[in-house]
Amino acid sequence: MLEYLLHRLHSPPKAMIMFLLLFSYELHHQLGLMDISRHVSVITVDPGVVESNIMREVPPCLCSLAFKVLRRLCLLQSPEVGISSILDSALAPPETSGVYFFWWKGPDCQLFYAFL
């Protein structure tokens, strides 16, 4: 199955996200086998593309162009919207574990499979 998943990945960012999710799910599974699972929650959060100054080292003309393109594609969101998935995960009930909070859907493990 892993080979099938690797063939479906076409870019390093997709591979990075997939392996982060696999690691999170495996950590959730391993903690579930131990007695400490009720004390630890494993949650993966993706805030999406947020307009911030993270690209401050990039030349301003490239940064401006990137933001314009992302805005035109409706992929760029404000920090207020981007923080919602992080807040949802932080305020989730303690028994919430092994879920994936995506910036526009909330907690959903099935998004991992839809992403591939």
PDB file of N, CA and C in Angstrom:
ATOM      1  N   MET A   1       0.825  -1.191   0.000  1.00  0.00           N
ATOM      2  CA  MET A   1       0.000   0.000   0.000  1.00  0.00           C
ATOM      3  C   MET A   1       0.866   1.250   0.000  1.00  0.00           C
ATOM      4  N   LEU A   2       1.979   1.218   0.735  1.00  0.00           N
ATOM      5  CA  LEU A   2       2.841   2.393   0.803  1.00  0.00           C
ATOM      6  C   LEU A   2       3.385   2.748  -0.574  1.00  0.00           C
ATOM      7  N   GLU A   3       3.726   1.735  -1.365  1.00  0.00           N
ATOM      8  CA  GLU A   3       4.219   2.007  -2.721  1.00  0.00           C
ATOM      9  C   GLU A   3       3.141   2.683  -3.563  1.00  0.00           C
ATOM     10  N   TYR A   4       1.908   2.248  -3.405  1.00  0.00           N
ATOM     11  CA  TYR A   4       0.802   2.871  -4.140  1.00  0.00           C
ATOM     12  C   TYR A   4       0.675   4.341  -3.760  1.00  0.00           C
ATOM     13  N   LEU A   5       0.743   4.614  -2.455  1.00  0.00           N
ATOM     14  CA  LEU A   5       0.641   5.996  -2.001  1.00  0.00           C
ATOM     15  C   LEU A   5       1.799   6.832  -2.520  1.00  0.00           C
ATOM     16  N   LEU A   6       2.994   6.273  -2.515  1.00  0.00           N
ATOM     17  CA  LEU A   6       4.153   7.023  -2.990  1.00  0.00           C
ATOM     18  C   LEU A   6       4.050   7.337  -4.479  1.00  0.00           C
ATOM     19  N   HIS A   7       3.456   6.439  -5.259  1.00  0.00           N
ATOM     20  CA  HIS A   7       3.285   6.703  -6.689  1.00  0.00           C
ATOM     21  C   HIS A   7       2.278   7.820  -6.931  1.00  0.00           C
ATOM     22  N   ARG A   8       1.353   8.003  -6.024  1.00  0.00           N
ATOM     23  CA  ARG A   8       0.347   9.054  -6.184  1.00  0.00           C
ATOM     24  C   ARG A   8       0.871  10.419  -5.783  1.00  0.00           C
ATOM     25  N   LEU A   9       1.987  10.458  -5.093  1.00  0.00           N
ATOM     26  CA  LEU A   9       2.554  11.737  -4.664  1.00  0.00           C
ATOM     27  C   LEU A   9       3.393  12.312  -5.795  1.00  0.00           C
ATOM     28  N   HIS A  10       3.161  13.550  -6.099  1.00  0.00           N
ATOM     29  CA  HIS A  10       3.875  14.165  -7.205  1.00  0.00           C
ATOM     30  C   HIS A  10       4.792  15.291  -6.763  1.00  0.00           C
ATOM     31  N   SER A  11       4.758  15.644  -5.503  1.00  0.00           N
ATOM     32  CA  SER A  11       5.576  16.766  -5.066  1.00  0.00           C
ATOM     33  C   SER A  11       6.050  16.544  -3.635  1.00  0.00           C
ATOM     34  N   PRO A  12       7.193  17.115  -3.288  1.00  0.00           N
ATOM     35  CA  PRO A  12       7.687  16.999  -1.907  1.00  0.00           C
ATOM     36  C   PRO A  12       6.715  17.530  -0.855  1.00  0.00           C
ATOM     37  N   PRO A  13       5.988  18.651  -1.098  1.00  0.00           N
ATOM     38  CA  PRO A  13       5.030  19.079  -0.068  1.00  0.00           C
ATOM     39  C   PRO A  13       3.949  18.042   0.215  1.00  0.00           C
ATOM     40  N   LYS A  14       3.443  17.382  -0.834  1.00  0.00           N
ATOM     41  CA  LYS A  14       2.437  16.337  -0.607  1.00  0.00           C
ATOM     42  C   LYS A  14       3.035  15.183   0.187  1.00  0.00           C
ATOM     43  N   ALA A  15       4.267  14.812  -0.137  1.00  0.00           N
ATOM     44  CA  ALA A  15       4.929  13.725   0.582  1.00  0.00           C
ATOM     45  C   ALA A  15       5.133  14.103   2.038  1.00  0.00           C
ATOM     46  N   MET A  16       5.529  15.335   2.291  1.00  0.00           N
ATOM     47  CA  MET A  16       5.756  15.788   3.659  1.00  0.00           C
ATOM     48  C   MET A  16       4.456  15.728   4.467  1.00  0.00           C
ATOM     49  N   ILE A  17       3.368  16.203   3.876  1.00  0.00           N
ATOM     50  CA  ILE A  17       2.082  16.181   4.575  1.00  0.00           C
ATOM     51  C   ILE A  17       1.634  14.745   4.826  1.00  0.00           C
ATOM     52  N   MET A  18       1.794  13.886   3.825  1.00  0.00           N
ATOM     53  CA  MET A  18       1.380  12.497   3.993  1.00  0.00           C
ATOM     54  C   MET A  18       2.145  11.824   5.130  1.00  0.00           C
ATOM     55  N   PHE A  19       3.458  12.006   5.163  1.00  0.00           N
ATOM     56  CA  PHE A  19       4.246  11.360   6.205  1.00  0.00           C
ATOM     57  C   PHE A  19       3.983  11.968   7.577  1.00  0.00           C
ATOM     58  N   LEU A  20       3.693  13.263   7.637  1.00  0.00           N
ATOM     59  CA  LEU A  20       3.317  13.877   8.910  1.00  0.00           C
ATOM     60  C   LEU A  20       2.014  13.270   9.420  1.00  0.00           C
ATOM     61  N   LEU A  21       1.048  13.092   8.523  1.00  0.00           N
ATOM     62  CA  LEU A  21      -0.222  12.480   8.921  1.00  0.00           C
ATOM     63  C   LEU A  21      -0.045  11.028   9.327  1.00  0.00           C
ATOM     64  N   LEU A  22       0.750  10.278   8.565  1.00  0.00           N
ATOM     65  CA  LEU A  22       1.002   8.883   8.928  1.00  0.00           C
ATOM     66  C   LEU A  22       1.677   8.781  10.287  1.00  0.00           C
ATOM     67  N   PHE A  23       2.645   9.664  10.546  1.00  0.00           N
ATOM     68  CA  PHE A  23       3.311   9.671  11.847  1.00  0.00           C
ATOM     69  C   PHE A  23       2.311   9.982  12.956  1.00  0.00           C
ATOM     70  N   SER A  24       1.451  10.974  12.733  1.00  0.00           N
ATOM     71  CA  SER A  24       0.461  11.348  13.750  1.00  0.00           C
ATOM     72  C   SER A  24      -0.505  10.208  14.029  1.00  0.00           C
ATOM     73  N   TYR A  25      -0.983   9.546  12.976  1.00  0.00           N
ATOM     74  CA  TYR A  25      -1.911   8.435  13.172  1.00  0.00           C
ATOM     75  C   TYR A  25      -1.237   7.268  13.883  1.00  0.00           C
ATOM     76  N   GLU A  26       0.018   6.999  13.548  1.00  0.00           N
ATOM     77  CA  GLU A  26       0.744   5.910  14.215  1.00  0.00           C
ATOM     78  C   GLU A  26       0.997   6.256  15.679  1.00  0.00           C
ATOM     79  N   LEU A  27       1.346   7.506  15.955  1.00  0.00           N
ATOM     80  CA  LEU A  27       1.536   7.935  17.346  1.00  0.00           C
ATOM     81  C   LEU A  27       0.238   7.788  18.126  1.00  0.00           C
ATOM     82  N   HIS A  28      -0.871   8.191  17.527  1.00  0.00           N
ATOM     83  CA  HIS A  28      -2.181   8.029  18.165  1.00  0.00           C
ATOM     84  C   HIS A  28      -2.460   6.552  18.444  1.00  0.00           C
ATOM     85  N   HIS A  29      -2.158   5.696  17.481  1.00  0.00           N
ATOM     86  CA  HIS A  29      -2.378   4.254  17.644  1.00  0.00           C
ATOM     87  C   HIS A  29      -1.502   3.688  18.760  1.00  0.00           C
ATOM     88  N   GLN A  30      -0.225   4.038  18.770  1.00  0.00           N
ATOM     89  CA  GLN A  30       0.695   3.527  19.792  1.00  0.00           C
ATOM     90  C   GLN A  30       0.303   4.016  21.185  1.00  0.00           C
ATOM     91  N   LEU A  31      -0.108   5.276  21.291  1.00  0.00           N
ATOM     92  CA  LEU A  31      -0.547   5.784  22.593  1.00  0.00           C
ATOM     93  C   LEU A  31      -1.829   5.099  23.041  1.00  0.00           C
ATOM     94  N   GLY A  32      -2.664   4.710  22.079  1.00  0.00           N
ATOM     95  CA  GLY A  32      -3.889   3.991  22.412  1.00  0.00           C
ATOM     96  C   GLY A  32      -3.617   2.626  23.013  1.00  0.00           C
ATOM     97  N   LEU A  33      -2.481   2.034  22.675  1.00  0.00           N
ATOM     98  CA  LEU A  33      -2.107   0.733  23.231  1.00  0.00           C
ATOM     99  C   LEU A  33      -1.550   0.852  24.643  1.00  0.00           C
ATOM    100  N   MET A  34      -1.169   2.064  25.013  1.00  0.00           N
ATOM    101  CA  MET A  34      -0.589   2.288  26.342  1.00  0.00           C
ATOM    102  C   MET A  34      -1.654   2.868  27.267  1.00  0.00           C
ATOM    103  N   ASP A  35      -1.354   2.913  28.530  1.00  0.00           N
ATOM    104  CA  ASP A  35      -2.302   3.437  29.511  1.00  0.00           C
ATOM    105  C   ASP A  35      -2.355   4.962  29.498  1.00  0.00           C
ATOM    106  N   ILE A  36      -1.375   5.625  28.893  1.00  0.00           N
ATOM    107  CA  ILE A  36      -1.338   7.088  28.941  1.00  0.00           C
ATOM    108  C   ILE A  36      -2.189   7.740  27.856  1.00  0.00           C
ATOM    109  N   SER A  37      -2.900   6.942  27.057  1.00  0.00           N
ATOM    110  CA  SER A  37      -3.652   7.507  25.935  1.00  0.00           C
ATOM    111  C   SER A  37      -4.711   8.507  26.381  1.00  0.00           C
ATOM    112  N   ARG A  38      -5.231   8.356  27.598  1.00  0.00           N
ATOM    113  CA  ARG A  38      -6.258   9.296  28.050  1.00  0.00           C
ATOM    114  C   ARG A  38      -5.673  10.628  28.487  1.00  0.00           C
ATOM    115  N   HIS A  39      -4.348  10.730  28.586  1.00  0.00           N
ATOM    116  CA  HIS A  39      -3.700  11.970  29.001  1.00  0.00           C
ATOM    117  C   HIS A  39      -3.096  12.746  27.838  1.00  0.00           C
ATOM    118  N   VAL A  40      -3.002  12.122  26.673  1.00  0.00           N
ATOM    119  CA  VAL A  40      -2.334  12.746  25.528  1.00  0.00           C
ATOM    120  C   VAL A  40      -3.258  12.706  24.313  1.00  0.00           C
ATOM    121  N   SER A  41      -3.408  13.851  23.658  1.00  0.00           N
ATOM    122  CA  SER A  41      -4.157  13.921  22.402  1.00  0.00           C
ATOM    123  C   SER A  41      -3.181  14.175  21.264  1.00  0.00           C
ATOM    124  N   VAL A  42      -3.358  13.461  20.171  1.00  0.00           N
ATOM    125  CA  VAL A  42      -2.538  13.661  18.974  1.00  0.00           C
ATOM    126  C   VAL A  42      -3.446  14.259  17.909  1.00  0.00           C
ATOM    127  N   ILE A  43      -3.176  15.504  17.550  1.00  0.00           N
ATOM    128  CA  ILE A  43      -4.015  16.217  16.593  1.00  0.00           C
ATOM    129  C   ILE A  43      -3.116  16.856  15.545  1.00  0.00           C
ATOM    130  N   THR A  44      -3.474  16.695  14.289  1.00  0.00           N
ATOM    131  CA  THR A  44      -2.754  17.329  13.187  1.00  0.00           C
ATOM    132  C   THR A  44      -3.590  18.502  12.696  1.00  0.00           C
ATOM    133  N   VAL A  45      -2.943  19.653  12.523  1.00  0.00           N
ATOM    134  CA  VAL A  45      -3.649  20.875  12.138  1.00  0.00           C
ATOM    135  C   VAL A  45      -3.023  21.457  10.876  1.00  0.00           C
ATOM    136  N   ASP A  46      -3.868  21.838   9.927  1.00  0.00           N
ATOM    137  CA  ASP A  46      -3.420  22.534   8.720  1.00  0.00           C
ATOM    138  C   ASP A  46      -4.199  23.843   8.621  1.00  0.00           C
ATOM    139  N   PRO A  47      -3.554  24.976   8.932  1.00  0.00           N
ATOM    140  CA  PRO A  47      -4.267  26.255   8.876  1.00  0.00           C
ATOM    141  C   PRO A  47      -4.485  26.775   7.460  1.00  0.00           C
ATOM    142  N   GLY A  48      -3.904  26.145   6.460  1.00  0.00           N
ATOM    143  CA  GLY A  48      -4.051  26.616   5.086  1.00  0.00           C
ATOM    144  C   GLY A  48      -3.039  27.704   4.763  1.00  0.00           C
ATOM    145  N   VAL A  49      -3.273  28.420   3.674  1.00  0.00           N
ATOM    146  CA  VAL A  49      -2.377  29.500   3.247  1.00  0.00           C
ATOM    147  C   VAL A  49      -2.879  30.795   3.872  1.00  0.00           C
ATOM    148  N   VAL A  50      -2.110  31.319   4.802  1.00  0.00           N
ATOM    149  CA  VAL A  50      -2.508  32.501   5.561  1.00  0.00           C
ATOM    150  C   VAL A  50      -1.631  33.679   5.161  1.00  0.00           C
ATOM    151  N   GLU A  51      -2.266  34.823   4.965  1.00  0.00           N
ATOM    152  CA  GLU A  51      -1.523  36.038   4.629  1.00  0.00           C
ATOM    153  C   GLU A  51      -0.783  36.521   5.874  1.00  0.00           C
ATOM    154  N   SER A  52       0.521  36.381   5.848  1.00  0.00           N
ATOM    155  CA  SER A  52       1.343  36.791   6.985  1.00  0.00           C
ATOM    156  C   SER A  52       2.678  37.302   6.466  1.00  0.00           C
ATOM    157  N   ASN A  53       3.565  37.620   7.372  1.00  0.00           N
ATOM    158  CA  ASN A  53       4.880  38.117   6.957  1.00  0.00           C
ATOM    159  C   ASN A  53       5.929  37.008   6.970  1.00  0.00           C
ATOM    160  N   ILE A  54       5.510  35.766   6.791  1.00  0.00           N
ATOM    161  CA  ILE A  54       6.451  34.651   6.797  1.00  0.00           C
ATOM    162  C   ILE A  54       7.421  34.736   5.614  1.00  0.00           C
ATOM    163  N   MET A  55       6.998  35.426   4.563  1.00  0.00           N
ATOM    164  CA  MET A  55       7.860  35.559   3.390  1.00  0.00           C
ATOM    165  C   MET A  55       8.624  36.884   3.411  1.00  0.00           C
ATOM    166  N   ARG A  56       8.929  37.401   4.581  1.00  0.00           N
ATOM    167  CA  ARG A  56       9.591  38.702   4.684  1.00  0.00           C
ATOM    168  C   ARG A  56      10.988  38.713   4.077  1.00  0.00           C
ATOM    169  N   GLU A  57      11.620  37.551   3.941  1.00  0.00           N
ATOM    170  CA  GLU A  57      12.955  37.480   3.343  1.00  0.00           C
ATOM    171  C   GLU A  57      12.897  37.413   1.814  1.00  0.00           C
ATOM    172  N   VAL A  58      11.713  37.179   1.278  1.00  0.00           N
ATOM    173  CA  VAL A  58      11.526  37.107  -0.173  1.00  0.00           C
ATOM    174  C   VAL A  58      11.410  38.539  -0.701  1.00  0.00           C
ATOM    175  N   PRO A  59      11.945  38.825  -1.874  1.00  0.00           N
ATOM    176  CA  PRO A  59      11.805  40.176  -2.436  1.00  0.00           C
ATOM    177  C   PRO A  59      10.335  40.603  -2.473  1.00  0.00           C
ATOM    178  N   PRO A  60      10.049  41.853  -2.125  1.00  0.00           N
ATOM    179  CA  PRO A  60       8.654  42.321  -2.045  1.00  0.00           C
ATOM    180  C   PRO A  60       7.847  42.117  -3.326  1.00  0.00           C
ATOM    181  N   CYS A  61       8.488  42.249  -4.488  1.00  0.00           N
ATOM    182  CA  CYS A  61       7.729  42.075  -5.739  1.00  0.00           C
ATOM    183  C   CYS A  61       7.250  40.626  -5.891  1.00  0.00           C
ATOM    184  N   LEU A  62       8.078  39.654  -5.505  1.00  0.00           N
ATOM    185  CA  LEU A  62       7.669  38.245  -5.580  1.00  0.00           C
ATOM    186  C   LEU A  62       6.599  37.922  -4.544  1.00  0.00           C
ATOM    187  N   CYS A  63       6.756  38.487  -3.362  1.00  0.00           N
ATOM    188  CA  CYS A  63       5.775  38.267  -2.294  1.00  0.00           C
ATOM    189  C   CYS A  63       4.414  38.822  -2.713  1.00  0.00           C
ATOM    190  N   SER A  64       4.421  40.024  -3.261  1.00  0.00           N
ATOM    191  CA  SER A  64       3.181  40.648  -3.714  1.00  0.00           C
ATOM    192  C   SER A  64       2.531  39.830  -4.825  1.00  0.00           C
ATOM    193  N   LEU A  65       3.332  39.357  -5.761  1.00  0.00           N
ATOM    194  CA  LEU A  65       2.811  38.533  -6.854  1.00  0.00           C
ATOM    195  C   LEU A  65       2.207  37.231  -6.322  1.00  0.00           C
ATOM    196  N   ALA A  66       2.908  36.593  -5.392  1.00  0.00           N
ATOM    197  CA  ALA A  66       2.402  35.339  -4.812  1.00  0.00           C
ATOM    198  C   ALA A  66       1.064  35.564  -4.114  1.00  0.00           C
ATOM    199  N   PHE A  67       0.962  36.636  -3.329  1.00  0.00           N
ATOM    200  CA  PHE A  67      -0.292  36.924  -2.631  1.00  0.00           C
ATOM    201  C   PHE A  67      -1.418  37.226  -3.619  1.00  0.00           C
ATOM    202  N   LYS A  68      -1.108  37.949  -4.699  1.00  0.00           N
ATOM    203  CA  LYS A  68      -2.143  38.261  -5.692  1.00  0.00           C
ATOM    204  C   LYS A  68      -2.654  36.990  -6.367  1.00  0.00           C
ATOM    205  N   VAL A  69      -1.739  36.098  -6.730  1.00  0.00           N
ATOM    206  CA  VAL A  69      -2.141  34.844  -7.379  1.00  0.00           C
ATOM    207  C   VAL A  69      -2.962  33.987  -6.416  1.00  0.00           C
ATOM    208  N   LEU A  70      -2.505  33.855  -5.181  1.00  0.00           N
ATOM    209  CA  LEU A  70      -3.238  33.051  -4.197  1.00  0.00           C
ATOM    210  C   LEU A  70      -4.603  33.657  -3.894  1.00  0.00           C
ATOM    211  N   ARG A  71      -4.673  34.991  -3.848  1.00  0.00           N
ATOM    212  CA  ARG A  71      -5.946  35.658  -3.616  1.00  0.00           C
ATOM    213  C   ARG A  71      -6.898  35.405  -4.789  1.00  0.00           C
ATOM    214  N   ARG A  72      -6.372  35.475  -6.012  1.00  0.00           N
ATOM    215  CA  ARG A  72      -7.181  35.264  -7.212  1.00  0.00           C
ATOM    216  C   ARG A  72      -7.735  33.835  -7.246  1.00  0.00           C
ATOM    217  N   LEU A  73      -6.950  32.876  -6.762  1.00  0.00           N
ATOM    218  CA  LEU A  73      -7.383  31.479  -6.726  1.00  0.00           C
ATOM    219  C   LEU A  73      -8.238  31.160  -5.501  1.00  0.00           C
ATOM    220  N   CYS A  74      -8.516  32.174  -4.695  1.00  0.00           N
ATOM    221  CA  CYS A  74      -9.305  32.024  -3.457  1.00  0.00           C
ATOM    222  C   CYS A  74      -8.645  31.052  -2.479  1.00  0.00           C
ATOM    223  N   LEU A  75      -7.319  31.015  -2.470  1.00  0.00           N
ATOM    224  CA  LEU A  75      -6.592  30.146  -1.547  1.00  0.00           C
ATOM    225  C   LEU A  75      -6.001  30.916  -0.377  1.00  0.00           C
ATOM    226  N   LEU A  76      -5.905  32.225  -0.505  1.00  0.00           N
ATOM    227  CA  LEU A  76      -5.310  33.040   0.547  1.00  0.00           C
ATOM    228  C   LEU A  76      -6.396  33.477   1.512  1.00  0.00           C
ATOM    229  N   GLN A  77      -6.112  33.343   2.788  1.00  0.00           N
ATOM    230  CA  GLN A  77      -7.094  33.732   3.790  1.00  0.00           C
ATOM    231  C   GLN A  77      -6.453  34.636   4.833  1.00  0.00           C
ATOM    232  N   SER A  78      -7.287  35.311   5.561  1.00  0.00           N
ATOM    233  CA  SER A  78      -6.802  36.225   6.597  1.00  0.00           C
ATOM    234  C   SER A  78      -6.300  35.424   7.797  1.00  0.00           C
ATOM    235  N   PRO A  79      -5.459  36.042   8.627  1.00  0.00           N
ATOM    236  CA  PRO A  79      -5.009  35.351   9.841  1.00  0.00           C
ATOM    237  C   PRO A  79      -6.170  34.952  10.755  1.00  0.00           C
ATOM    238  N   GLU A  80      -7.231  35.759  10.755  1.00  0.00           N
ATOM    239  CA  GLU A  80      -8.390  35.440  11.599  1.00  0.00           C
ATOM    240  C   GLU A  80      -9.049  34.135  11.163  1.00  0.00           C
ATOM    241  N   VAL A  81      -9.125  33.911   9.863  1.00  0.00           N
ATOM    242  CA  VAL A  81      -9.711  32.667   9.349  1.00  0.00           C
ATOM    243  C   VAL A  81      -8.731  31.512   9.538  1.00  0.00           C
ATOM    244  N   GLY A  82      -7.452  31.771   9.302  1.00  0.00           N
ATOM    245  CA  GLY A  82      -6.434  30.730   9.422  1.00  0.00           C
ATOM    246  C   GLY A  82      -6.291  30.187  10.830  1.00  0.00           C
ATOM    247  N   ILE A  83      -6.538  31.044  11.812  1.00  0.00           N
ATOM    248  CA  ILE A  83      -6.373  30.609  13.204  1.00  0.00           C
ATOM    249  C   ILE A  83      -7.526  29.708  13.658  1.00  0.00           C
ATOM    250  N   SER A  84      -8.624  29.681  12.900  1.00  0.00           N
ATOM    251  CA  SER A  84      -9.799  28.930  13.358  1.00  0.00           C
ATOM    252  C   SER A  84      -9.512  27.437  13.524  1.00  0.00           C
ATOM    253  N   SER A  85      -8.770  26.823  12.599  1.00  0.00           N
ATOM    254  CA  SER A  85      -8.485  25.391  12.751  1.00  0.00           C
ATOM    255  C   SER A  85      -7.557  25.135  13.931  1.00  0.00           C
ATOM    256  N   ILE A  86      -6.648  26.064  14.191  1.00  0.00           N
ATOM    257  CA  ILE A  86      -5.752  25.915  15.341  1.00  0.00           C
ATOM    258  C   ILE A  86      -6.538  26.043  16.638  1.00  0.00           C
ATOM    259  N   LEU A  87      -7.444  27.015  16.695  1.00  0.00           N
ATOM    260  CA  LEU A  87      -8.275  27.173  17.891  1.00  0.00           C
ATOM    261  C   LEU A  87      -9.216  25.986  18.071  1.00  0.00           C
ATOM    262  N   ASP A  88      -9.797  25.499  16.975  1.00  0.00           N
ATOM    263  CA  ASP A  88     -10.670  24.318  17.066  1.00  0.00           C
ATOM    264  C   ASP A  88      -9.925  23.131  17.662  1.00  0.00           C
ATOM    265  N   SER A  89      -8.685  22.933  17.226  1.00  0.00           N
ATOM    266  CA  SER A  89      -7.918  21.797  17.751  1.00  0.00           C
ATOM    267  C   SER A  89      -7.519  22.018  19.203  1.00  0.00           C
ATOM    268  N   ALA A  90      -7.177  23.254  19.553  1.00  0.00           N
ATOM    269  CA  ALA A  90      -6.778  23.540  20.933  1.00  0.00           C
ATOM    270  C   ALA A  90      -7.959  23.433  21.893  1.00  0.00           C
ATOM    271  N   LEU A  91      -9.147  23.751  21.417  1.00  0.00           N
ATOM    272  CA  LEU A  91     -10.336  23.721  22.269  1.00  0.00           C
ATOM    273  C   LEU A  91     -11.137  22.428  22.136  1.00  0.00           C
ATOM    274  N   ALA A  92     -10.604  21.469  21.401  1.00  0.00           N
ATOM    275  CA  ALA A  92     -11.291  20.183  21.235  1.00  0.00           C
ATOM    276  C   ALA A  92     -11.357  19.456  22.577  1.00  0.00           C
ATOM    277  N   PRO A  93     -12.376  18.630  22.767  1.00  0.00           N
ATOM    278  CA  PRO A  93     -12.471  17.864  24.013  1.00  0.00           C
ATOM    279  C   PRO A  93     -11.218  17.011  24.224  1.00  0.00           C
ATOM    280  N   PRO A  94     -10.860  16.750  25.474  1.00  0.00           N
ATOM    281  CA  PRO A  94      -9.637  15.987  25.764  1.00  0.00           C
ATOM    282  C   PRO A  94      -9.590  14.607  25.108  1.00  0.00           C
ATOM    283  N   GLU A  95     -10.732  13.994  24.898  1.00  0.00           N
ATOM    284  CA  GLU A  95     -10.729  12.654  24.296  1.00  0.00           C
ATOM    285  C   GLU A  95     -10.534  12.697  22.773  1.00  0.00           C
ATOM    286  N   THR A  96     -10.506  13.883  22.187  1.00  0.00           N
ATOM    287  CA  THR A  96     -10.263  14.013  20.748  1.00  0.00           C
ATOM    288  C   THR A  96      -8.807  13.697  20.463  1.00  0.00           C
ATOM    289  N   SER A  97      -8.576  12.702  19.658  1.00  0.00           N
ATOM    290  CA  SER A  97      -7.210  12.322  19.307  1.00  0.00           C
ATOM    291  C   SER A  97      -7.233  11.578  17.984  1.00  0.00           C
ATOM    292  N   GLY A  98      -6.153  11.697  17.228  1.00  0.00           N
ATOM    293  CA  GLY A  98      -6.052  11.004  15.955  1.00  0.00           C
ATOM    294  C   GLY A  98      -6.869  11.644  14.853  1.00  0.00           C
ATOM    295  N   VAL A  99      -7.129  12.948  14.966  1.00  0.00           N
ATOM    296  CA  VAL A  99      -7.913  13.636  13.944  1.00  0.00           C
ATOM    297  C   VAL A  99      -7.054  14.664  13.217  1.00  0.00           C
ATOM    298  N   TYR A 100      -7.550  15.103  12.078  1.00  0.00           N
ATOM    299  CA  TYR A 100      -6.866  16.058  11.215  1.00  0.00           C
ATOM    300  C   TYR A 100      -7.764  17.276  11.063  1.00  0.00           C
ATOM    301  N   PHE A 101      -7.369  18.406  11.638  1.00  0.00           N
ATOM    302  CA  PHE A 101      -8.125  19.645  11.513  1.00  0.00           C
ATOM    303  C   PHE A 101      -7.621  20.379  10.279  1.00  0.00           C
ATOM    304  N   PHE A 102      -8.481  20.488   9.288  1.00  0.00           N
ATOM    305  CA  PHE A 102      -8.136  21.164   8.046  1.00  0.00           C
ATOM    306  C   PHE A 102      -8.777  22.539   8.071  1.00  0.00           C
ATOM    307  N   TRP A 103      -8.173  23.510   7.455  1.00  0.00           N
ATOM    308  CA  TRP A 103      -8.594  24.903   7.613  1.00  0.00           C
ATOM    309  C   TRP A 103     -10.018  25.201   7.193  1.00  0.00           C
ATOM    310  N   TRP A 104     -10.635  24.402   6.351  1.00  0.00           N
ATOM    311  CA  TRP A 104     -12.005  24.724   5.951  1.00  0.00           C
ATOM    312  C   TRP A 104     -13.004  23.624   6.268  1.00  0.00           C
ATOM    313  N   LYS A 105     -12.567  22.555   6.899  1.00  0.00           N
ATOM    314  CA  LYS A 105     -13.492  21.459   7.166  1.00  0.00           C
ATOM    315  C   LYS A 105     -13.617  21.083   8.638  1.00  0.00           C
ATOM    316  N   GLY A 106     -12.691  21.515   9.491  1.00  0.00           N
ATOM    317  CA  GLY A 106     -12.709  21.049  10.864  1.00  0.00           C
ATOM    318  C   GLY A 106     -12.064  19.683  10.968  1.00  0.00           C
ATOM    319  N   PRO A 107     -12.341  18.938  12.051  1.00  0.00           N
ATOM    320  CA  PRO A 107     -11.675  17.645  12.228  1.00  0.00           C
ATOM    321  C   PRO A 107     -12.204  16.608  11.247  1.00  0.00           C
ATOM    322  N   ASP A 108     -11.314  16.026  10.474  1.00  0.00           N
ATOM    323  CA  ASP A 108     -11.746  15.025   9.511  1.00  0.00           C
ATOM    324  C   ASP A 108     -10.573  14.150   9.105  1.00  0.00           C
ATOM    325  N   CYS A 109     -10.602  12.905   9.499  1.00  0.00           N
ATOM    326  CA  CYS A 109      -9.540  11.971   9.125  1.00  0.00           C
ATOM    327  C   CYS A 109      -9.641  11.578   7.660  1.00  0.00           C
ATOM    328  N   GLN A 110     -10.820  11.619   7.075  1.00  0.00           N
ATOM    329  CA  GLN A 110     -10.996  11.184   5.696  1.00  0.00           C
ATOM    330  C   GLN A 110     -10.361  12.147   4.696  1.00  0.00           C
ATOM    331  N   LEU A 111     -10.090  13.380   5.106  1.00  0.00           N
ATOM    332  CA  LEU A 111      -9.453  14.328   4.199  1.00  0.00           C
ATOM    333  C   LEU A 111      -8.078  13.851   3.780  1.00  0.00           C
ATOM    334  N   PHE A 112      -7.436  13.059   4.624  1.00  0.00           N
ATOM    335  CA  PHE A 112      -6.122  12.526   4.274  1.00  0.00           C
ATOM    336  C   PHE A 112      -6.217  11.706   2.995  1.00  0.00           C
ATOM    337  N   TYR A 113      -7.234  10.878   2.899  1.00  0.00           N
ATOM    338  CA  TYR A 113      -7.390  10.032   1.726  1.00  0.00           C
ATOM    339  C   TYR A 113      -7.865  10.842   0.520  1.00  0.00           C
ATOM    340  N   ALA A 114      -8.696  11.863   0.750  1.00  0.00           N
ATOM    341  CA  ALA A 114      -9.150  12.713  -0.344  1.00  0.00           C
ATOM    342  C   ALA A 114      -7.998  13.553  -0.882  1.00  0.00           C
ATOM    343  N   PHE A 115      -7.046  13.876  -0.021  1.00  0.00           N
ATOM    344  CA  PHE A 115      -5.903  14.693  -0.413  1.00  0.00           C
ATOM    345  C   PHE A 115      -5.036  13.960  -1.416  1.00  0.00           C
ATOM    346  N   LEU A 116      -4.896  12.653  -1.246  1.00  0.00           N
ATOM    347  CA  LEU A 116      -4.061  11.862  -2.153  1.00  0.00           C
ATOM    348  C   LEU A 116      -4.819  11.625  -3.389  1.00  0.00           C
TER     349      LEU A 116
END
